[in-house]
Amino acid sequence: MKLDPKPLALLAAIMLLALPLTGSPSTWLNLTLAGIAMGLIIFVIASGLTLVFGLMDVLNFGHGVFIALGAFMATTVLAAMAPWASSPDVLSNLTALAAACLAGMAIAAAVGVVFERVLVRPVYGQHLKQILITMGGMIIGEELIKASWGPQLIPLPMPETLRGIFLFGDVAVEKFRVLSMLIGLAVLATLLLVLNRTKIGLLIRAGVQDREMVE
């Protein structure tokens, strides 16, 4: 798994073409940083699809349910730790965020394991059945989330540390966007390191080429 420079070059070209349309370099930089932050959030979500479909050849249309379930669980934990999140102390805010993230990942991983063992594993190599079964699982998962947390939006106050902006001259960058960029880059670096530099990554890539031989 290596970085392909072509999409990055295309992205840079689009960013430069947008510069004359924004009116000023500072506005362009603000919008560009906001777009990169949002793109990295989408990348974190899509990285799971990349591994499942790109490396394991499994069409899992239920992937979004795991993301949603993790988000709702993280929201519940963060709301329960509201005094920590609203504290002006940076360490308290980071502790609340870490606990929420870990809870969300743990629940999503546990449900994902059950989903794979019960629904996906019996239809390995059968793409049509994978689509039908995982879409059915997605619909059921969505309804279970609605039954558990309700259909309405859940307000979630931002932790005190992530409110406000970093100001660099005329360029203003929201603090939570900086955190999302750092997390996205950390996930990217971890994926590249694990898949290209570790024994587990070697086994995963070898399994894509010849699953039976690896077994």
N, C-alpha and C. Protein backbone atom coordinates (compact mmCIF):
# COMPACT_ATOMS: atom_id res chain seq x y z
N MET A 1 0.86 -1.19 0.00
CA MET A 1 0.00 0.00 0.00
C MET A 1 0.89 1.23 0.00
N LYS A 2 0.95 1.93 -1.12
CA LYS A 2 1.79 3.10 -1.23
C LYS A 2 0.98 4.28 -1.72
N LEU A 3 1.45 5.47 -1.39
CA LEU A 3 0.76 6.67 -1.83
C LEU A 3 0.92 6.86 -3.33
N ASP A 4 -0.19 7.13 -4.00
CA ASP A 4 -0.18 7.43 -5.43
C ASP A 4 -0.08 8.95 -5.57
N PRO A 5 0.96 9.48 -6.20
CA PRO A 5 1.12 10.93 -6.29
C PRO A 5 0.12 11.62 -7.21
N LYS A 6 -0.53 10.88 -8.10
CA LYS A 6 -1.42 11.52 -9.08
C LYS A 6 -2.62 12.21 -8.43
N PRO A 7 -3.36 11.54 -7.51
CA PRO A 7 -4.47 12.25 -6.86
C PRO A 7 -4.02 13.48 -6.08
N LEU A 8 -2.84 13.39 -5.44
CA LEU A 8 -2.33 14.54 -4.70
C LEU A 8 -1.98 15.69 -5.64
N ALA A 9 -1.42 15.36 -6.81
CA ALA A 9 -1.11 16.40 -7.79
C ALA A 9 -2.38 17.04 -8.33
N LEU A 10 -3.41 16.22 -8.55
CA LEU A 10 -4.69 16.76 -9.02
C LEU A 10 -5.31 17.67 -7.97
N LEU A 11 -5.23 17.26 -6.71
CA LEU A 11 -5.76 18.08 -5.62
C LEU A 11 -5.04 19.43 -5.56
N ALA A 12 -3.72 19.41 -5.67
CA ALA A 12 -2.95 20.65 -5.64
C ALA A 12 -3.32 21.55 -6.81
N ALA A 13 -3.53 20.97 -7.99
CA ALA A 13 -3.91 21.76 -9.17
C ALA A 13 -5.27 22.42 -8.98
N ILE A 14 -6.23 21.68 -8.42
CA ILE A 14 -7.56 22.24 -8.17
C ILE A 14 -7.49 23.38 -7.15
N MET A 15 -6.67 23.19 -6.13
CA MET A 15 -6.51 24.23 -5.11
C MET A 15 -5.95 25.51 -5.72
N LEU A 16 -4.96 25.37 -6.60
CA LEU A 16 -4.36 26.55 -7.23
C LEU A 16 -5.32 27.23 -8.20
N LEU A 17 -6.12 26.43 -8.91
CA LEU A 17 -7.11 27.01 -9.82
C LEU A 17 -8.19 27.79 -9.08
N ALA A 18 -8.45 27.39 -7.84
CA ALA A 18 -9.48 28.07 -7.04
C ALA A 18 -8.98 29.38 -6.45
N LEU A 19 -7.68 29.59 -6.43
CA LEU A 19 -7.11 30.79 -5.82
C LEU A 19 -7.66 32.09 -6.42
N PRO A 20 -7.70 32.26 -7.76
CA PRO A 20 -8.23 33.52 -8.30
C PRO A 20 -9.71 33.74 -8.03
N LEU A 21 -10.45 32.67 -7.70
CA LEU A 21 -11.89 32.79 -7.53
C LEU A 21 -12.31 33.20 -6.13
N THR A 22 -11.39 33.14 -5.18
CA THR A 22 -11.75 33.40 -3.79
C THR A 22 -11.61 34.86 -3.39
N GLY A 23 -10.91 35.64 -4.16
CA GLY A 23 -10.82 37.07 -3.87
C GLY A 23 -9.56 37.50 -3.15
N SER A 24 -9.07 36.69 -2.22
CA SER A 24 -7.86 37.05 -1.49
C SER A 24 -7.14 35.79 -1.05
N PRO A 25 -5.80 35.87 -0.92
CA PRO A 25 -5.04 34.69 -0.49
C PRO A 25 -5.45 34.19 0.89
N SER A 26 -5.79 35.10 1.81
CA SER A 26 -6.16 34.67 3.17
C SER A 26 -7.46 33.88 3.16
N THR A 27 -8.44 34.35 2.37
CA THR A 27 -9.70 33.61 2.25
C THR A 27 -9.46 32.25 1.62
N TRP A 28 -8.62 32.23 0.59
CA TRP A 28 -8.29 30.96 -0.06
C TRP A 28 -7.65 29.99 0.91
N LEU A 29 -6.74 30.48 1.74
CA LEU A 29 -6.06 29.60 2.69
C LEU A 29 -7.01 29.11 3.76
N ASN A 30 -7.92 29.99 4.24
CA ASN A 30 -8.92 29.57 5.22
C ASN A 30 -9.78 28.44 4.68
N LEU A 31 -10.29 28.63 3.45
CA LEU A 31 -11.15 27.62 2.83
C LEU A 31 -10.38 26.33 2.54
N THR A 32 -9.13 26.48 2.13
CA THR A 32 -8.32 25.30 1.81
C THR A 32 -8.07 24.46 3.06
N LEU A 33 -7.71 25.11 4.16
CA LEU A 33 -7.46 24.37 5.40
C LEU A 33 -8.73 23.71 5.92
N ALA A 34 -9.87 24.42 5.79
CA ALA A 34 -11.14 23.82 6.21
C ALA A 34 -11.47 22.61 5.34
N GLY A 35 -11.21 22.72 4.03
CA GLY A 35 -11.47 21.59 3.13
C GLY A 35 -10.55 20.41 3.41
N ILE A 36 -9.29 20.68 3.72
CA ILE A 36 -8.35 19.60 4.05
C ILE A 36 -8.78 18.90 5.33
N ALA A 37 -9.23 19.68 6.33
CA ALA A 37 -9.69 19.08 7.58
C ALA A 37 -10.89 18.18 7.33
N MET A 38 -11.86 18.65 6.54
CA MET A 38 -13.02 17.83 6.24
C MET A 38 -12.62 16.60 5.42
N GLY A 39 -11.70 16.79 4.48
CA GLY A 39 -11.23 15.67 3.67
C GLY A 39 -10.55 14.60 4.51
N LEU A 40 -9.81 15.00 5.52
CA LEU A 40 -9.14 14.02 6.38
C LEU A 40 -10.14 13.28 7.26
N ILE A 41 -11.24 13.95 7.66
CA ILE A 41 -12.28 13.26 8.41
C ILE A 41 -12.91 12.18 7.53
N ILE A 42 -13.19 12.54 6.26
CA ILE A 42 -13.75 11.56 5.33
C ILE A 42 -12.75 10.43 5.08
N PHE A 43 -11.45 10.78 5.03
CA PHE A 43 -10.43 9.75 4.83
C PHE A 43 -10.44 8.73 5.97
N VAL A 44 -10.58 9.21 7.21
CA VAL A 44 -10.61 8.28 8.35
C VAL A 44 -11.76 7.30 8.20
N ILE A 45 -12.92 7.81 7.75
CA ILE A 45 -14.07 6.93 7.52
C ILE A 45 -13.79 5.97 6.37
N ALA A 46 -13.24 6.52 5.28
CA ALA A 46 -13.02 5.71 4.07
C ALA A 46 -11.88 4.72 4.21
N SER A 47 -10.97 4.95 5.15
CA SER A 47 -9.84 4.04 5.28
C SER A 47 -10.30 2.62 5.62
N GLY A 48 -11.39 2.52 6.40
CA GLY A 48 -11.94 1.20 6.70
C GLY A 48 -12.47 0.52 5.45
N LEU A 49 -13.16 1.29 4.60
CA LEU A 49 -13.65 0.73 3.35
C LEU A 49 -12.49 0.30 2.45
N THR A 50 -11.42 1.07 2.48
CA THR A 50 -10.25 0.73 1.67
C THR A 50 -9.69 -0.62 2.06
N LEU A 51 -9.59 -0.86 3.36
CA LEU A 51 -9.05 -2.14 3.83
C LEU A 51 -10.01 -3.29 3.52
N VAL A 52 -11.31 -3.06 3.78
CA VAL A 52 -12.28 -4.14 3.62
C VAL A 52 -12.48 -4.51 2.16
N PHE A 53 -12.65 -3.49 1.31
CA PHE A 53 -12.90 -3.78 -0.09
C PHE A 53 -11.61 -3.89 -0.90
N GLY A 54 -10.71 -2.93 -0.71
CA GLY A 54 -9.50 -2.93 -1.52
C GLY A 54 -8.57 -4.09 -1.23
N LEU A 55 -8.48 -4.51 0.02
CA LEU A 55 -7.55 -5.58 0.39
C LEU A 55 -8.24 -6.92 0.62
N MET A 56 -9.46 -6.89 1.14
CA MET A 56 -10.14 -8.16 1.45
C MET A 56 -11.18 -8.54 0.40
N ASP A 57 -11.46 -7.63 -0.54
CA ASP A 57 -12.43 -7.89 -1.60
C ASP A 57 -13.81 -8.22 -1.04
N VAL A 58 -14.23 -7.45 -0.02
CA VAL A 58 -15.55 -7.63 0.58
C VAL A 58 -16.35 -6.35 0.39
N LEU A 59 -17.52 -6.46 -0.23
CA LEU A 59 -18.41 -5.31 -0.42
C LEU A 59 -19.30 -5.16 0.81
N ASN A 60 -18.85 -4.38 1.76
CA ASN A 60 -19.58 -4.21 3.02
C ASN A 60 -20.32 -2.87 3.01
N PHE A 61 -21.59 -2.89 2.64
CA PHE A 61 -22.39 -1.68 2.62
C PHE A 61 -22.85 -1.28 4.01
N GLY A 62 -22.57 -2.09 5.00
CA GLY A 62 -22.93 -1.75 6.37
C GLY A 62 -21.86 -0.96 7.10
N HIS A 63 -20.79 -0.57 6.39
CA HIS A 63 -19.67 0.12 7.02
C HIS A 63 -20.11 1.41 7.72
N GLY A 64 -21.03 2.14 7.09
CA GLY A 64 -21.46 3.40 7.67
C GLY A 64 -22.16 3.25 9.02
N VAL A 65 -22.80 2.10 9.23
CA VAL A 65 -23.48 1.87 10.50
C VAL A 65 -22.48 1.80 11.65
N PHE A 66 -21.31 1.20 11.39
CA PHE A 66 -20.29 1.12 12.44
C PHE A 66 -19.78 2.52 12.80
N ILE A 67 -19.60 3.36 11.77
CA ILE A 67 -19.18 4.74 12.02
C ILE A 67 -20.23 5.47 12.85
N ALA A 68 -21.51 5.33 12.46
CA ALA A 68 -22.59 6.00 13.17
C ALA A 68 -22.71 5.49 14.61
N LEU A 69 -22.61 4.17 14.78
CA LEU A 69 -22.70 3.60 16.12
C LEU A 69 -21.57 4.11 17.01
N GLY A 70 -20.36 4.13 16.47
CA GLY A 70 -19.23 4.66 17.23
C GLY A 70 -19.43 6.12 17.59
N ALA A 71 -19.99 6.90 16.65
CA ALA A 71 -20.21 8.33 16.90
C ALA A 71 -21.26 8.54 18.00
N PHE A 72 -22.34 7.77 17.95
CA PHE A 72 -23.37 7.92 18.99
C PHE A 72 -22.85 7.48 20.35
N MET A 73 -22.07 6.41 20.38
CA MET A 73 -21.51 5.96 21.66
C MET A 73 -20.52 7.00 22.21
N ALA A 74 -19.68 7.55 21.32
CA ALA A 74 -18.74 8.59 21.75
C ALA A 74 -19.49 9.81 22.26
N THR A 75 -20.59 10.17 21.61
CA THR A 75 -21.41 11.30 22.06
C THR A 75 -21.98 11.05 23.45
N THR A 76 -22.44 9.83 23.68
CA THR A 76 -23.00 9.47 24.99
C THR A 76 -21.94 9.59 26.09
N VAL A 77 -20.76 9.07 25.81
CA VAL A 77 -19.68 9.12 26.80
C VAL A 77 -19.25 10.56 27.04
N LEU A 78 -19.13 11.34 25.96
CA LEU A 78 -18.70 12.74 26.12
C LEU A 78 -19.73 13.55 26.89
N ALA A 79 -21.01 13.26 26.64
CA ALA A 79 -22.07 13.95 27.40
C ALA A 79 -22.01 13.58 28.88
N ALA A 80 -21.70 12.32 29.17
CA ALA A 80 -21.60 11.88 30.57
C ALA A 80 -20.40 12.52 31.27
N MET A 81 -19.39 12.88 30.48
CA MET A 81 -18.19 13.51 31.04
C MET A 81 -18.21 15.02 30.79
N ALA A 82 -19.40 15.60 30.79
CA ALA A 82 -19.55 17.03 30.51
C ALA A 82 -18.70 17.93 31.42
N PRO A 83 -18.61 17.63 32.73
CA PRO A 83 -17.74 18.49 33.56
C PRO A 83 -16.28 18.47 33.10
N TRP A 84 -15.82 17.32 32.61
CA TRP A 84 -14.45 17.24 32.10
C TRP A 84 -14.32 18.02 30.79
N ALA A 85 -15.33 17.89 29.92
CA ALA A 85 -15.27 18.54 28.62
C ALA A 85 -15.41 20.06 28.72
N SER A 86 -16.17 20.53 29.72
CA SER A 86 -16.38 21.97 29.87
C SER A 86 -15.32 22.64 30.73
N SER A 87 -14.42 21.85 31.30
CA SER A 87 -13.36 22.41 32.12
C SER A 87 -12.35 23.19 31.27
N PRO A 88 -11.81 24.27 31.78
CA PRO A 88 -10.78 25.00 31.02
C PRO A 88 -9.43 24.29 31.00
N ASP A 89 -9.33 23.19 31.73
CA ASP A 89 -8.08 22.44 31.79
C ASP A 89 -7.93 21.57 30.53
N VAL A 90 -6.81 21.72 29.85
CA VAL A 90 -6.57 21.00 28.59
C VAL A 90 -6.54 19.49 28.83
N LEU A 91 -5.89 19.05 29.90
CA LEU A 91 -5.77 17.63 30.19
C LEU A 91 -7.14 17.00 30.42
N SER A 92 -8.03 17.71 31.12
CA SER A 92 -9.37 17.19 31.36
C SER A 92 -10.13 17.04 30.04
N ASN A 93 -10.01 18.03 29.16
CA ASN A 93 -10.68 17.96 27.85
C ASN A 93 -10.16 16.79 27.04
N LEU A 94 -8.86 16.62 27.01
CA LEU A 94 -8.27 15.54 26.22
C LEU A 94 -8.64 14.17 26.80
N THR A 95 -8.74 14.08 28.12
CA THR A 95 -9.15 12.82 28.76
C THR A 95 -10.57 12.46 28.36
N ALA A 96 -11.47 13.45 28.37
CA ALA A 96 -12.85 13.21 27.97
C ALA A 96 -12.93 12.79 26.51
N LEU A 97 -12.18 13.46 25.65
CA LEU A 97 -12.17 13.11 24.23
C LEU A 97 -11.61 11.71 24.00
N ALA A 98 -10.52 11.40 24.70
CA ALA A 98 -9.91 10.07 24.54
C ALA A 98 -10.86 8.98 25.01
N ALA A 99 -11.54 9.19 26.13
CA ALA A 99 -12.49 8.20 26.63
C ALA A 99 -13.64 8.00 25.65
N ALA A 100 -14.14 9.10 25.09
CA ALA A 100 -15.24 9.01 24.12
C ALA A 100 -14.79 8.27 22.86
N CYS A 101 -13.60 8.59 22.37
CA CYS A 101 -13.09 7.93 21.16
C CYS A 101 -12.87 6.44 21.40
N LEU A 102 -12.28 6.09 22.53
CA LEU A 102 -12.02 4.68 22.83
C LEU A 102 -13.31 3.89 22.98
N ALA A 103 -14.31 4.49 23.63
CA ALA A 103 -15.60 3.82 23.78
C ALA A 103 -16.26 3.60 22.41
N GLY A 104 -16.23 4.63 21.58
CA GLY A 104 -16.81 4.51 20.24
C GLY A 104 -16.12 3.45 19.41
N MET A 105 -14.78 3.43 19.44
CA MET A 105 -14.04 2.43 18.68
C MET A 105 -14.28 1.02 19.20
N ALA A 106 -14.34 0.87 20.53
CA ALA A 106 -14.53 -0.46 21.11
C ALA A 106 -15.89 -1.04 20.73
N ILE A 107 -16.93 -0.24 20.84
CA ILE A 107 -18.28 -0.72 20.50
C ILE A 107 -18.39 -1.02 19.02
N ALA A 108 -17.87 -0.11 18.19
CA ALA A 108 -17.92 -0.33 16.73
C ALA A 108 -17.13 -1.57 16.34
N ALA A 109 -15.98 -1.79 16.97
CA ALA A 109 -15.18 -2.97 16.66
C ALA A 109 -15.88 -4.25 17.07
N ALA A 110 -16.49 -4.24 18.25
CA ALA A 110 -17.18 -5.44 18.74
C ALA A 110 -18.36 -5.80 17.83
N VAL A 111 -19.15 -4.79 17.46
CA VAL A 111 -20.28 -5.04 16.56
C VAL A 111 -19.78 -5.47 15.19
N GLY A 112 -18.66 -4.87 14.75
CA GLY A 112 -18.10 -5.24 13.45
C GLY A 112 -17.64 -6.69 13.41
N VAL A 113 -17.06 -7.17 14.51
CA VAL A 113 -16.63 -8.57 14.57
C VAL A 113 -17.83 -9.51 14.47
N VAL A 114 -18.88 -9.20 15.21
CA VAL A 114 -20.09 -10.04 15.15
C VAL A 114 -20.71 -9.98 13.75
N PHE A 115 -20.75 -8.79 13.18
CA PHE A 115 -21.31 -8.61 11.83
C PHE A 115 -20.54 -9.45 10.81
N GLU A 116 -19.21 -9.44 10.93
CA GLU A 116 -18.38 -10.20 9.99
C GLU A 116 -18.55 -11.70 10.18
N ARG A 117 -18.56 -12.15 11.42
CA ARG A 117 -18.66 -13.59 11.68
C ARG A 117 -20.03 -14.15 11.27
N VAL A 118 -21.08 -13.41 11.56
CA VAL A 118 -22.43 -13.93 11.34
C VAL A 118 -22.93 -13.70 9.92
N LEU A 119 -22.67 -12.50 9.36
CA LEU A 119 -23.27 -12.16 8.07
C LEU A 119 -22.30 -12.21 6.89
N VAL A 120 -21.07 -11.72 7.08
CA VAL A 120 -20.17 -11.55 5.94
C VAL A 120 -19.38 -12.82 5.64
N ARG A 121 -18.88 -13.49 6.66
CA ARG A 121 -18.02 -14.65 6.44
C ARG A 121 -18.68 -15.74 5.60
N PRO A 122 -19.97 -16.06 5.78
CA PRO A 122 -20.56 -17.12 4.94
C PRO A 122 -20.65 -16.77 3.46
N VAL A 123 -20.48 -15.49 3.09
CA VAL A 123 -20.64 -15.11 1.68
C VAL A 123 -19.34 -14.52 1.10
N TYR A 124 -18.19 -14.89 1.64
CA TYR A 124 -16.93 -14.46 1.05
C TYR A 124 -16.86 -14.93 -0.41
N GLY A 125 -16.42 -14.02 -1.28
CA GLY A 125 -16.28 -14.35 -2.69
C GLY A 125 -17.57 -14.25 -3.48
N GLN A 126 -18.68 -13.87 -2.84
CA GLN A 126 -19.97 -13.76 -3.52
C GLN A 126 -20.47 -12.32 -3.39
N HIS A 127 -20.08 -11.50 -4.33
CA HIS A 127 -20.31 -10.06 -4.22
C HIS A 127 -21.79 -9.70 -4.15
N LEU A 128 -22.60 -10.33 -4.97
CA LEU A 128 -24.03 -9.99 -4.97
C LEU A 128 -24.66 -10.27 -3.61
N LYS A 129 -24.36 -11.42 -3.04
CA LYS A 129 -24.89 -11.75 -1.72
C LYS A 129 -24.33 -10.81 -0.65
N GLN A 130 -23.06 -10.42 -0.81
CA GLN A 130 -22.48 -9.47 0.14
C GLN A 130 -23.24 -8.15 0.13
N ILE A 131 -23.57 -7.67 -1.07
CA ILE A 131 -24.31 -6.41 -1.19
C ILE A 131 -25.67 -6.53 -0.51
N LEU A 132 -26.40 -7.57 -0.81
CA LEU A 132 -27.75 -7.74 -0.27
C LEU A 132 -27.74 -7.90 1.25
N ILE A 133 -26.82 -8.75 1.74
CA ILE A 133 -26.79 -9.03 3.18
C ILE A 133 -26.31 -7.81 3.97
N THR A 134 -25.26 -7.15 3.50
CA THR A 134 -24.74 -6.00 4.24
C THR A 134 -25.68 -4.80 4.17
N MET A 135 -26.41 -4.63 3.06
CA MET A 135 -27.41 -3.56 3.00
C MET A 135 -28.55 -3.85 3.97
N GLY A 136 -28.95 -5.13 4.07
CA GLY A 136 -29.96 -5.49 5.06
C GLY A 136 -29.47 -5.22 6.47
N GLY A 137 -28.21 -5.57 6.74
CA GLY A 137 -27.63 -5.28 8.05
C GLY A 137 -27.56 -3.79 8.33
N MET A 138 -27.27 -3.00 7.28
CA MET A 138 -27.22 -1.54 7.43
C MET A 138 -28.59 -0.98 7.83
N ILE A 139 -29.65 -1.44 7.16
CA ILE A 139 -30.99 -0.95 7.47
C ILE A 139 -31.39 -1.31 8.90
N ILE A 140 -31.11 -2.55 9.29
CA ILE A 140 -31.43 -2.98 10.66
C ILE A 140 -30.62 -2.17 11.68
N GLY A 141 -29.33 -1.96 11.37
CA GLY A 141 -28.49 -1.18 12.27
C GLY A 141 -28.98 0.24 12.43
N GLU A 142 -29.41 0.87 11.34
CA GLU A 142 -29.93 2.24 11.41
C GLU A 142 -31.16 2.31 12.32
N GLU A 143 -32.05 1.34 12.15
CA GLU A 143 -33.26 1.34 12.97
C GLU A 143 -32.95 1.09 14.45
N LEU A 144 -31.98 0.24 14.72
CA LEU A 144 -31.59 -0.01 16.11
C LEU A 144 -30.98 1.25 16.74
N ILE A 145 -30.21 1.99 15.96
CA ILE A 145 -29.64 3.25 16.46
C ILE A 145 -30.75 4.25 16.77
N LYS A 146 -31.76 4.33 15.88
CA LYS A 146 -32.89 5.23 16.12
C LYS A 146 -33.66 4.80 17.37
N ALA A 147 -33.82 3.50 17.53
CA ALA A 147 -34.54 3.00 18.71
C ALA A 147 -33.78 3.30 20.00
N SER A 148 -32.45 3.31 19.93
CA SER A 148 -31.63 3.51 21.13
C SER A 148 -31.44 4.98 21.46
N TRP A 149 -31.18 5.80 20.44
CA TRP A 149 -30.87 7.22 20.69
C TRP A 149 -31.93 8.18 20.18
N GLY A 150 -32.92 7.67 19.47
CA GLY A 150 -33.98 8.53 18.95
C GLY A 150 -33.61 9.10 17.59
N PRO A 151 -34.63 9.60 16.86
CA PRO A 151 -34.39 10.11 15.51
C PRO A 151 -33.92 11.56 15.46
N GLN A 152 -33.97 12.25 16.60
CA GLN A 152 -33.63 13.67 16.61
C GLN A 152 -32.12 13.88 16.78
N LEU A 153 -31.66 15.05 16.32
CA LEU A 153 -30.26 15.41 16.49
C LEU A 153 -29.93 15.57 17.97
N ILE A 154 -28.75 15.14 18.35
CA ILE A 154 -28.31 15.24 19.74
C ILE A 154 -27.31 16.39 19.86
N PRO A 155 -27.65 17.44 20.59
CA PRO A 155 -26.70 18.55 20.75
C PRO A 155 -25.48 18.11 21.56
N LEU A 156 -24.32 18.49 21.09
CA LEU A 156 -23.08 18.09 21.77
C LEU A 156 -22.17 19.32 21.87
N PRO A 157 -22.10 19.94 23.05
CA PRO A 157 -21.21 21.09 23.20
C PRO A 157 -19.75 20.71 22.97
N MET A 158 -19.05 21.57 22.29
CA MET A 158 -17.65 21.31 22.00
C MET A 158 -16.81 21.49 23.26
N PRO A 159 -15.84 20.61 23.50
CA PRO A 159 -14.95 20.80 24.66
C PRO A 159 -14.31 22.19 24.65
N GLU A 160 -14.11 22.72 25.83
CA GLU A 160 -13.64 24.10 25.98
C GLU A 160 -12.34 24.35 25.22
N THR A 161 -11.43 23.39 25.25
CA THR A 161 -10.12 23.56 24.62
C THR A 161 -10.24 23.71 23.11
N LEU A 162 -11.26 23.10 22.50
CA LEU A 162 -11.38 23.11 21.05
C LEU A 162 -12.20 24.29 20.53
N ARG A 163 -12.69 25.13 21.41
CA ARG A 163 -13.41 26.31 20.97
C ARG A 163 -12.43 27.41 20.58
N GLY A 164 -12.87 28.26 19.68
CA GLY A 164 -12.01 29.37 19.28
C GLY A 164 -11.15 29.02 18.07
N ILE A 165 -10.21 29.92 17.79
CA ILE A 165 -9.40 29.80 16.58
C ILE A 165 -7.93 30.06 16.89
N PHE A 166 -7.09 29.57 15.98
CA PHE A 166 -5.69 29.98 15.93
C PHE A 166 -5.60 31.06 14.86
N LEU A 167 -5.02 32.19 15.20
CA LEU A 167 -4.95 33.31 14.26
C LEU A 167 -3.52 33.52 13.82
N PHE A 168 -3.29 33.43 12.51
CA PHE A 168 -1.98 33.66 11.92
C PHE A 168 -2.11 34.79 10.91
N GLY A 169 -1.94 36.03 11.39
CA GLY A 169 -2.15 37.17 10.50
C GLY A 169 -3.62 37.27 10.13
N ASP A 170 -3.92 37.19 8.84
CA ASP A 170 -5.30 37.22 8.36
C ASP A 170 -5.92 35.83 8.25
N VAL A 171 -5.15 34.83 8.59
CA VAL A 171 -5.62 33.45 8.45
C VAL A 171 -6.11 32.94 9.80
N ALA A 172 -7.37 32.50 9.83
CA ALA A 172 -7.97 31.98 11.06
C ALA A 172 -8.28 30.50 10.87
N VAL A 173 -7.77 29.67 11.76
CA VAL A 173 -8.00 28.23 11.69
C VAL A 173 -8.66 27.78 12.98
N GLU A 174 -9.82 27.15 12.86
CA GLU A 174 -10.53 26.69 14.04
C GLU A 174 -9.76 25.56 14.72
N LYS A 175 -9.76 25.57 16.03
CA LYS A 175 -8.95 24.61 16.79
C LYS A 175 -9.38 23.17 16.53
N PHE A 176 -10.70 22.93 16.43
CA PHE A 176 -11.14 21.55 16.24
C PHE A 176 -10.73 21.02 14.88
N ARG A 177 -10.58 21.92 13.89
CA ARG A 177 -10.12 21.49 12.57
C ARG A 177 -8.65 21.07 12.61
N VAL A 178 -7.87 21.76 13.43
CA VAL A 178 -6.47 21.37 13.58
C VAL A 178 -6.38 19.97 14.18
N LEU A 179 -7.21 19.69 15.18
CA LEU A 179 -7.21 18.36 15.80
C LEU A 179 -7.63 17.29 14.79
N SER A 180 -8.65 17.59 13.99
CA SER A 180 -9.10 16.60 13.00
C SER A 180 -8.02 16.33 11.96
N MET A 181 -7.27 17.37 11.58
CA MET A 181 -6.18 17.17 10.62
C MET A 181 -5.08 16.30 11.23
N LEU A 182 -4.74 16.55 12.49
CA LEU A 182 -3.70 15.76 13.14
C LEU A 182 -4.12 14.30 13.27
N ILE A 183 -5.39 14.05 13.61
CA ILE A 183 -5.87 12.67 13.73
C ILE A 183 -5.86 11.99 12.37
N GLY A 184 -6.32 12.68 11.33
CA GLY A 184 -6.33 12.10 9.99
C GLY A 184 -4.94 11.75 9.51
N LEU A 185 -3.98 12.64 9.74
CA LEU A 185 -2.60 12.37 9.33
C LEU A 185 -2.01 11.22 10.14
N ALA A 186 -2.38 11.13 11.42
CA ALA A 186 -1.88 10.04 12.25
C ALA A 186 -2.43 8.69 11.76
N VAL A 187 -3.70 8.67 11.38
CA VAL A 187 -4.29 7.43 10.86
C VAL A 187 -3.61 7.03 9.55
N LEU A 188 -3.38 8.00 8.68
CA LEU A 188 -2.70 7.73 7.41
C LEU A 188 -1.30 7.16 7.64
N ALA A 189 -0.54 7.80 8.51
CA ALA A 189 0.82 7.33 8.79
C ALA A 189 0.82 5.93 9.40
N THR A 190 -0.15 5.67 10.30
CA THR A 190 -0.24 4.36 10.93
C THR A 190 -0.57 3.27 9.92
N LEU A 191 -1.52 3.55 9.02
CA LEU A 191 -1.88 2.58 7.99
C LEU A 191 -0.69 2.25 7.10
N LEU A 192 0.01 3.28 6.65
CA LEU A 192 1.17 3.05 5.78
C LEU A 192 2.25 2.26 6.51
N LEU A 193 2.47 2.59 7.79
CA LEU A 193 3.50 1.90 8.56
C LEU A 193 3.13 0.43 8.77
N VAL A 194 1.87 0.18 9.19
CA VAL A 194 1.46 -1.19 9.48
C VAL A 194 1.46 -2.05 8.22
N LEU A 195 0.91 -1.53 7.13
CA LEU A 195 0.77 -2.33 5.92
C LEU A 195 2.09 -2.54 5.19
N ASN A 196 3.01 -1.59 5.30
CA ASN A 196 4.26 -1.68 4.54
C ASN A 196 5.46 -2.11 5.36
N ARG A 197 5.40 -2.00 6.69
CA ARG A 197 6.60 -2.20 7.49
C ARG A 197 6.46 -3.24 8.59
N THR A 198 5.32 -3.93 8.66
CA THR A 198 5.14 -4.90 9.74
C THR A 198 4.76 -6.26 9.17
N LYS A 199 4.93 -7.28 10.02
CA LYS A 199 4.59 -8.64 9.61
C LYS A 199 3.09 -8.78 9.36
N ILE A 200 2.28 -8.12 10.19
CA ILE A 200 0.82 -8.17 10.00
C ILE A 200 0.45 -7.58 8.64
N GLY A 201 1.06 -6.46 8.29
CA GLY A 201 0.80 -5.85 6.99
C GLY A 201 1.21 -6.75 5.85
N LEU A 202 2.34 -7.43 6.02
CA LEU A 202 2.80 -8.36 4.99
C LEU A 202 1.79 -9.50 4.80
N LEU A 203 1.27 -10.02 5.91
CA LEU A 203 0.28 -11.09 5.82
C LEU A 203 -1.01 -10.61 5.15
N ILE A 204 -1.42 -9.40 5.47
CA ILE A 204 -2.64 -8.86 4.85
C ILE A 204 -2.46 -8.73 3.35
N ARG A 205 -1.33 -8.15 2.93
CA ARG A 205 -1.10 -7.97 1.49
C ARG A 205 -0.91 -9.30 0.78
N ALA A 206 -0.27 -10.26 1.45
CA ALA A 206 -0.10 -11.58 0.85
C ALA A 206 -1.45 -12.29 0.73
N GLY A 207 -2.32 -12.09 1.72
CA GLY A 207 -3.63 -12.71 1.67
C GLY A 207 -4.48 -12.21 0.53
N VAL A 208 -4.26 -10.96 0.12
CA VAL A 208 -4.97 -10.43 -1.04
C VAL A 208 -4.56 -11.18 -2.31
N GLN A 209 -3.26 -11.49 -2.42
CA GLN A 209 -2.76 -12.15 -3.61
C GLN A 209 -3.12 -13.63 -3.65
N ASP A 210 -3.00 -14.30 -2.51
CA ASP A 210 -3.25 -15.75 -2.50
C ASP A 210 -3.70 -16.15 -1.10
N ARG A 211 -5.00 -16.05 -0.84
CA ARG A 211 -5.54 -16.31 0.48
C ARG A 211 -5.28 -17.75 0.92
N GLU A 212 -5.46 -18.70 0.02
CA GLU A 212 -5.31 -20.10 0.38
C GLU A 212 -3.87 -20.43 0.78
N MET A 213 -2.88 -19.87 0.08
CA MET A 213 -1.49 -20.13 0.39
C MET A 213 -1.13 -19.55 1.76
N VAL A 214 -1.64 -18.34 2.06
CA VAL A 214 -1.34 -17.73 3.35
C VAL A 214 -1.93 -18.55 4.49
N GLU A 215 -3.14 -19.08 4.27
CA GLU A 215 -3.73 -19.92 5.31
C GLU A 215 -2.92 -21.18 5.56
